[in-house]
Amino acid sequence: MELFPAMPLAEWTEAKETFHRFAQIVGKIRLASSNRRNHWWQVPFHPTGRGLTTRPMGGLGEQPLFCVDFDLVRHRLVIDVFDGRSAEFSLIGRSVASFYDRLFDTLAGLGIRPEIWAVPFDLGDDTPFAEDTLHARYDPVLINRYWRILSQVVQLLDRYAADYAGKTSPVHHFWHTFDIAVTRFTGRVAKVSPDTDPVTREAYSWEVISSGFWFGDKERPWPAFYSYTAPEPEGLAREPLRPAQAEWIPARGSHLAVLRYDDVRVMEDPVGAVLEFLDSAYQAGARLTGIDTAALACPGGVTDPCYGQCP
């Protein structure tokens, strides 16, 4: 399998816009049916060997325990109920409206009736999912490539996450923004204005250094690895980054460290270059926020002081 295959945004914009809405519909079901966790950890998808999963949800009230998976090899949506029942349908050839109707009809047939706010989040239009026949291009080849890239990046971010002994999130695929992220927490509570929206308040109630990958959007039409520190310390964008292709860019009043995917693809050691980039961005944030990086280091995921040395 090719490492980091090409994925220019212009090639799959229509497919991405369609599948992003499919993902938001299922993600909103996850949000409505799961137990709340700090920093919204209950909300994102996680990868499987065939696609993406909501993980089990429901089961503690009126809803049965169930799970929804995108099988991006067979290109089907699969719903499993933990009494052994299962249902699935094809993703190919569906508009957002068709996907929405079929999904909720299938769930109802299994005795599952979640209530969601059935409009897209932050996608530039408010067309209710049930009425959206415009977004109707599900391309199996491109969506499978997206999933293969996603899976490779998840493994890379997981390797990066292993070197930090502090509180670290799992590697999450956020269906609302369509990015992948892993977050390191400094352990310090952040000051967030009461006027800030509740989603942001929960996400950034603690000081974090977050790293991840996005597939590109209208504002930045290229895939890239990224990192940021929040709240952003003074002078962050003046800190050095590695490798030389990495840069700081302005983003909504703060700054992102960015290493473009297409630059990584042609490097002699793509994995090593991304790990070097993520570490340099982490070190930049750590220096300015006063993190004791030595105390929180666990190279290779090891904190055992006797590992490889004690009898």
Protein backbone atom coordinates (compact mmCIF):
# COMPACT_ATOMS: atom_id res chain seq x y z
CA MET A 1 0.00 0.00 0.00
CA GLU A 2 1.38 3.39 -1.01
CA LEU A 3 2.43 5.63 1.86
CA PHE A 4 0.68 9.02 1.65
CA PRO A 5 -0.94 8.79 -1.81
CA ALA A 6 -1.81 12.03 -3.61
CA MET A 7 -5.06 13.68 -2.52
CA PRO A 8 -5.42 17.16 -4.07
CA LEU A 9 -8.56 18.85 -2.78
CA ALA A 10 -9.75 19.85 -6.26
CA GLU A 11 -9.88 16.19 -7.28
CA TRP A 12 -12.39 15.16 -4.66
CA THR A 13 -14.19 18.30 -3.49
CA GLU A 14 -17.65 17.05 -4.48
CA ALA A 15 -17.08 13.61 -2.97
CA LYS A 16 -15.67 15.19 0.22
CA GLU A 17 -18.62 17.57 0.59
CA THR A 18 -21.07 14.68 0.21
CA PHE A 19 -19.29 12.30 2.56
CA HIS A 20 -18.65 15.05 5.11
CA ARG A 21 -22.41 15.48 5.42
CA PHE A 22 -22.92 11.73 5.70
CA ALA A 23 -20.36 11.80 8.53
CA GLN A 24 -22.06 14.71 10.28
CA ILE A 25 -25.40 12.90 10.27
CA VAL A 26 -23.89 9.81 11.89
CA GLY A 27 -21.76 11.97 14.18
CA LYS A 28 -24.80 13.84 15.46
CA ILE A 29 -26.37 10.47 16.28
CA ARG A 30 -23.21 9.65 18.22
CA LEU A 31 -23.45 12.98 20.05
CA ALA A 32 -27.10 12.38 20.95
CA SER A 33 -26.59 8.78 22.08
CA SER A 34 -23.33 8.79 24.06
CA ASN A 35 -22.27 9.68 27.58
CA ARG A 36 -20.60 13.08 27.81
CA ARG A 37 -16.84 13.07 28.37
CA ASN A 38 -14.45 15.92 29.13
CA HIS A 39 -13.30 17.94 26.11
CA TRP A 40 -15.92 16.19 23.92
CA TRP A 41 -13.94 12.94 23.81
CA GLN A 42 -17.17 10.99 23.37
CA VAL A 43 -18.02 12.67 20.07
CA PRO A 44 -15.36 11.78 17.44
CA PHE A 45 -15.07 8.73 15.21
CA HIS A 46 -12.26 6.21 15.45
CA PRO A 47 -10.78 4.19 12.57
CA THR A 48 -11.36 0.47 12.08
CA GLY A 49 -9.75 -2.03 9.74
CA ARG A 50 -12.42 -1.20 7.15
CA GLY A 51 -13.44 2.40 7.79
CA LEU A 52 -14.78 4.44 10.70
CA THR A 53 -16.83 3.64 13.78
CA THR A 54 -18.94 5.55 16.25
CA ARG A 55 -18.04 2.94 18.89
CA PRO A 56 -20.88 1.45 21.00
CA MET A 57 -23.49 3.92 22.24
CA GLY A 58 -26.91 3.90 23.91
CA GLY A 59 -27.84 0.96 26.10
CA LEU A 60 -28.48 2.77 29.39
CA GLY A 61 -32.00 4.06 28.74
CA GLU A 62 -34.66 3.69 26.10
CA GLN A 63 -32.18 3.11 23.26
CA PRO A 64 -30.63 -0.33 22.78
CA LEU A 65 -26.85 -0.61 22.72
CA PHE A 66 -25.78 -0.11 19.12
CA CYS A 67 -22.90 0.89 16.86
CA VAL A 68 -22.71 2.53 13.43
CA ASP A 69 -19.77 1.85 11.11
CA PHE A 70 -18.77 3.24 7.74
CA ASP A 71 -17.33 0.30 5.81
CA LEU A 72 -15.19 2.18 3.28
CA VAL A 73 -13.93 -0.99 1.63
CA ARG A 74 -17.38 -2.34 0.68
CA HIS A 75 -18.85 1.20 0.78
CA ARG A 76 -21.74 0.38 3.05
CA LEU A 77 -23.15 1.77 6.29
CA VAL A 78 -23.48 -0.96 8.90
CA ILE A 79 -25.62 -0.76 12.05
CA ASP A 80 -25.08 -3.44 14.68
CA VAL A 81 -27.34 -3.89 17.71
CA PHE A 82 -25.93 -5.81 20.64
CA ASP A 83 -28.77 -8.34 20.69
CA GLY A 84 -27.35 -9.70 17.43
CA ARG A 85 -29.48 -7.79 14.92
CA SER A 86 -27.76 -5.97 12.09
CA ALA A 87 -28.70 -3.89 9.07
CA GLU A 88 -26.71 -2.24 6.31
CA PHE A 89 -27.10 -0.35 3.06
CA SER A 90 -24.94 0.95 0.22
CA LEU A 91 -23.39 4.42 0.28
CA ILE A 92 -22.95 4.55 -3.48
CA GLY A 93 -25.36 6.64 -5.55
CA ARG A 94 -26.93 8.44 -2.61
CA SER A 95 -27.63 12.11 -2.06
CA VAL A 96 -27.45 13.47 1.47
CA ALA A 97 -31.26 13.41 1.62
CA SER A 98 -31.37 9.78 0.50
CA PHE A 99 -28.69 8.80 3.02
CA TYR A 100 -30.50 10.61 5.84
CA ASP A 101 -33.88 9.05 5.07
CA ARG A 102 -32.50 5.53 4.65
CA LEU A 103 -30.44 5.77 7.85
CA PHE A 104 -33.29 6.94 10.06
CA ASP A 105 -35.73 4.43 8.54
CA THR A 106 -33.21 1.66 9.20
CA LEU A 107 -32.60 2.81 12.77
CA ALA A 108 -36.35 2.97 13.44
CA GLY A 109 -36.70 -0.59 12.17
CA LEU A 110 -34.18 -1.61 14.83
CA GLY A 111 -36.02 0.29 17.59
CA ILE A 112 -33.53 3.18 17.65
CA ARG A 113 -34.93 6.71 17.43
CA PRO A 114 -32.26 9.35 18.14
CA GLU A 115 -33.14 13.03 17.95
CA ILE A 116 -30.60 15.28 16.25
CA TRP A 117 -30.34 18.84 14.95
CA ALA A 118 -30.55 17.76 11.33
CA VAL A 119 -28.68 20.57 9.56
CA PRO A 120 -24.96 20.74 8.68
CA PHE A 121 -22.50 22.36 11.06
CA ASP A 122 -20.14 25.05 9.72
CA LEU A 123 -20.28 23.87 6.10
CA GLY A 124 -21.46 27.08 4.48
CA ASP A 125 -25.12 26.19 4.08
CA ASP A 126 -28.07 25.41 6.33
CA THR A 127 -29.93 23.06 4.00
CA PRO A 128 -31.58 20.41 6.21
CA PHE A 129 -30.11 16.99 5.57
CA ALA A 130 -33.53 15.64 4.63
CA GLU A 131 -33.79 18.20 1.81
CA ASP A 132 -30.24 18.11 0.46
CA THR A 133 -30.26 16.54 -2.99
CA LEU A 134 -27.45 18.80 -4.27
CA HIS A 135 -24.64 16.89 -2.54
CA ALA A 136 -24.92 13.50 -4.21
CA ARG A 137 -21.48 12.36 -5.31
CA TYR A 138 -20.08 9.44 -3.35
CA ASP A 139 -16.95 8.29 -5.21
CA PRO A 140 -15.81 4.86 -3.94
CA VAL A 141 -12.24 5.19 -5.22
CA LEU A 142 -11.65 8.63 -3.70
CA ILE A 143 -13.38 7.88 -0.41
CA ASN A 144 -11.35 4.69 -0.02
CA ARG A 145 -8.17 6.69 -0.66
CA TYR A 146 -9.25 9.24 1.94
CA TRP A 147 -9.69 6.41 4.46
CA ARG A 148 -6.29 4.90 3.64
CA ILE A 149 -4.59 8.27 4.18
CA LEU A 150 -6.59 8.81 7.34
CA SER A 151 -5.52 5.42 8.70
CA GLN A 152 -1.84 6.09 7.97
CA VAL A 153 -1.99 9.50 9.63
CA VAL A 154 -3.76 8.06 12.67
CA GLN A 155 -0.92 5.57 13.16
CA LEU A 156 1.66 8.33 12.76
CA LEU A 157 -0.11 10.56 15.30
CA ASP A 158 -0.39 7.61 17.66
CA ARG A 159 3.37 7.13 17.45
CA TYR A 160 3.87 10.83 18.21
CA ALA A 161 1.43 10.65 21.15
CA ALA A 162 3.43 7.83 22.74
CA ASP A 163 6.29 10.16 23.69
CA TYR A 164 4.22 12.21 26.17
CA ALA A 165 3.45 10.94 29.68
CA GLY A 166 0.91 13.63 30.56
CA LYS A 167 -2.79 13.60 29.81
CA THR A 168 -3.20 12.90 26.10
CA SER A 169 -6.34 12.43 24.07
CA PRO A 170 -6.87 9.43 21.84
CA VAL A 171 -6.30 10.15 18.15
CA HIS A 172 -9.72 11.48 17.17
CA HIS A 173 -11.40 11.97 13.81
CA PHE A 174 -13.65 14.97 14.31
CA TRP A 175 -16.61 14.63 11.95
CA HIS A 176 -17.71 18.25 12.33
CA THR A 177 -14.43 19.72 11.03
CA PHE A 178 -13.26 16.60 9.15
CA ASP A 179 -9.77 16.67 10.66
CA ILE A 180 -7.71 14.24 12.74
CA ALA A 181 -6.14 15.39 15.99
CA VAL A 182 -4.28 14.29 19.10
CA THR A 183 -4.03 16.69 22.04
CA ARG A 184 -1.47 17.02 24.83
CA PHE A 185 -2.70 18.70 28.01
CA THR A 186 -0.31 20.70 30.20
CA GLY A 187 -2.41 20.09 33.32
CA ARG A 188 -3.23 23.77 33.75
CA VAL A 189 -6.73 25.19 33.60
CA ALA A 190 -7.18 27.88 30.94
CA LYS A 191 -9.18 31.08 31.27
CA VAL A 192 -12.07 30.95 28.82
CA SER A 193 -14.55 33.81 28.57
CA PRO A 194 -18.12 33.00 29.67
CA ASP A 195 -19.19 34.65 26.40
CA THR A 196 -17.42 31.95 24.37
CA ASP A 197 -19.71 29.33 22.84
CA PRO A 198 -20.13 26.15 24.95
CA VAL A 199 -18.45 23.88 22.40
CA THR A 200 -15.25 25.96 22.49
CA ARG A 201 -15.39 26.44 26.27
CA GLU A 202 -15.36 22.68 26.86
CA ALA A 203 -12.73 22.01 24.19
CA TYR A 204 -10.29 24.61 25.53
CA SER A 205 -11.00 24.69 29.26
CA TRP A 206 -7.45 23.40 29.81
CA GLU A 207 -4.20 24.57 28.25
CA VAL A 208 -3.32 22.32 25.30
CA ILE A 209 -0.87 21.68 22.51
CA SER A 210 -2.81 19.97 19.77
CA SER A 211 -1.52 18.37 16.58
CA GLY A 212 -3.24 16.82 13.62
CA PHE A 213 -4.05 16.70 9.93
CA TRP A 214 -6.71 18.23 7.70
CA PHE A 215 -7.64 17.37 4.12
CA GLY A 216 -8.02 20.98 2.95
CA ASP A 217 -10.94 23.38 2.65
CA LYS A 218 -11.95 26.53 0.77
CA GLU A 219 -9.78 28.73 2.99
CA ARG A 220 -6.68 26.54 2.71
CA PRO A 221 -7.17 24.28 -0.33
CA TRP A 222 -4.36 21.85 0.43
CA PRO A 223 -3.95 18.95 2.87
CA ALA A 224 -1.50 19.54 5.70
CA PHE A 225 -0.22 18.47 9.09
CA TYR A 226 -0.70 21.13 11.75
CA SER A 227 -0.09 22.06 15.39
CA TYR A 228 -1.19 24.87 17.69
CA THR A 229 -0.97 25.90 21.34
CA ALA A 230 -4.10 27.19 23.09
CA PRO A 231 -4.23 29.66 24.66
CA GLU A 232 -1.49 30.90 22.36
CA PRO A 233 1.52 32.29 24.25
CA GLU A 234 3.11 35.54 23.15
CA GLY A 235 5.79 35.04 20.53
CA LEU A 236 4.76 31.54 19.41
CA ALA A 237 4.93 32.38 15.69
CA ARG A 238 8.56 33.47 16.08
CA GLU A 239 9.66 30.07 17.34
CA PRO A 240 11.64 27.84 14.95
CA LEU A 241 10.01 24.89 13.19
CA ARG A 242 11.50 21.85 11.47
CA PRO A 243 11.89 20.76 8.71
CA ALA A 244 12.58 23.83 6.59
CA GLN A 245 9.28 23.51 4.69
CA ALA A 246 7.24 24.05 7.87
CA GLU A 247 5.78 27.48 8.57
CA TRP A 248 3.52 29.45 10.88
CA ILE A 249 0.33 30.78 9.31
CA PRO A 250 -2.33 33.09 10.80
CA ALA A 251 -5.60 31.38 11.72
CA ARG A 252 -8.61 33.11 13.30
CA GLY A 253 -6.58 35.48 15.43
CA SER A 254 -3.88 32.98 16.38
CA HIS A 255 -1.30 30.85 14.54
CA LEU A 256 -0.98 27.34 13.18
CA ALA A 257 2.25 25.50 12.56
CA VAL A 258 1.79 23.86 9.15
CA LEU A 259 3.65 21.27 7.10
CA ARG A 260 1.98 20.65 3.77
CA TYR A 261 1.16 17.07 2.83
CA ASP A 262 2.48 17.44 -0.71
CA ASP A 263 5.85 18.55 0.63
CA VAL A 264 5.95 15.52 2.95
CA ARG A 265 5.08 13.08 0.16
CA VAL A 266 8.29 13.77 -1.76
CA MET A 267 10.65 13.67 1.22
CA GLU A 268 13.13 10.83 1.62
CA ASP A 269 11.71 9.98 5.07
CA PRO A 270 8.09 11.23 5.22
CA VAL A 271 7.30 9.67 8.60
CA GLY A 272 10.45 11.03 10.19
CA ALA A 273 9.79 14.49 8.74
CA VAL A 274 6.28 14.65 10.18
CA LEU A 275 7.45 13.46 13.59
CA GLU A 276 10.21 16.09 13.52
CA PHE A 277 7.65 18.75 12.62
CA LEU A 278 5.20 17.77 15.35
CA ASP A 279 7.96 17.68 17.96
CA SER A 280 9.33 21.08 16.92
CA ALA A 281 5.86 22.63 17.21
CA TYR A 282 5.35 20.97 20.60
CA GLN A 283 8.73 22.19 21.83
CA ALA A 284 7.86 25.72 20.70
CA GLY A 285 4.63 25.74 22.71
CA ALA A 286 6.26 23.99 25.65
CA ARG A 287 9.09 26.52 25.93
CA LEU A 288 6.71 29.47 26.04
CA THR A 289 4.20 27.90 28.42
CA GLY A 290 6.83 26.55 30.82
CA ILE A 291 6.18 22.82 30.41
CA ASP A 292 8.76 20.54 32.03
CA THR A 293 9.34 18.51 28.89
CA ALA A 294 11.91 16.23 30.51
CA ALA A 295 9.53 15.24 33.31
CA LEU A 296 6.72 14.49 30.83
CA ALA A 297 8.80 12.60 28.28
CA CYS A 298 8.31 8.88 27.75
CA PRO A 299 10.21 7.94 24.58
CA GLY A 300 8.55 5.08 22.77
CA GLY A 301 5.66 5.07 25.22
CA VAL A 302 7.76 3.80 28.13
CA THR A 303 7.58 5.25 31.66
CA ASP A 304 9.01 2.17 33.44
CA PRO A 305 12.43 3.31 34.82
CA CYS A 306 13.66 -0.32 34.82
CA TYR A 307 12.71 -1.05 31.24
CA GLY A 308 15.60 -2.87 29.56
CA GLN A 309 17.87 -2.39 32.59
CA CYS A 310 16.45 -4.00 35.73
CA PRO A 311 16.45 -7.77 36.29
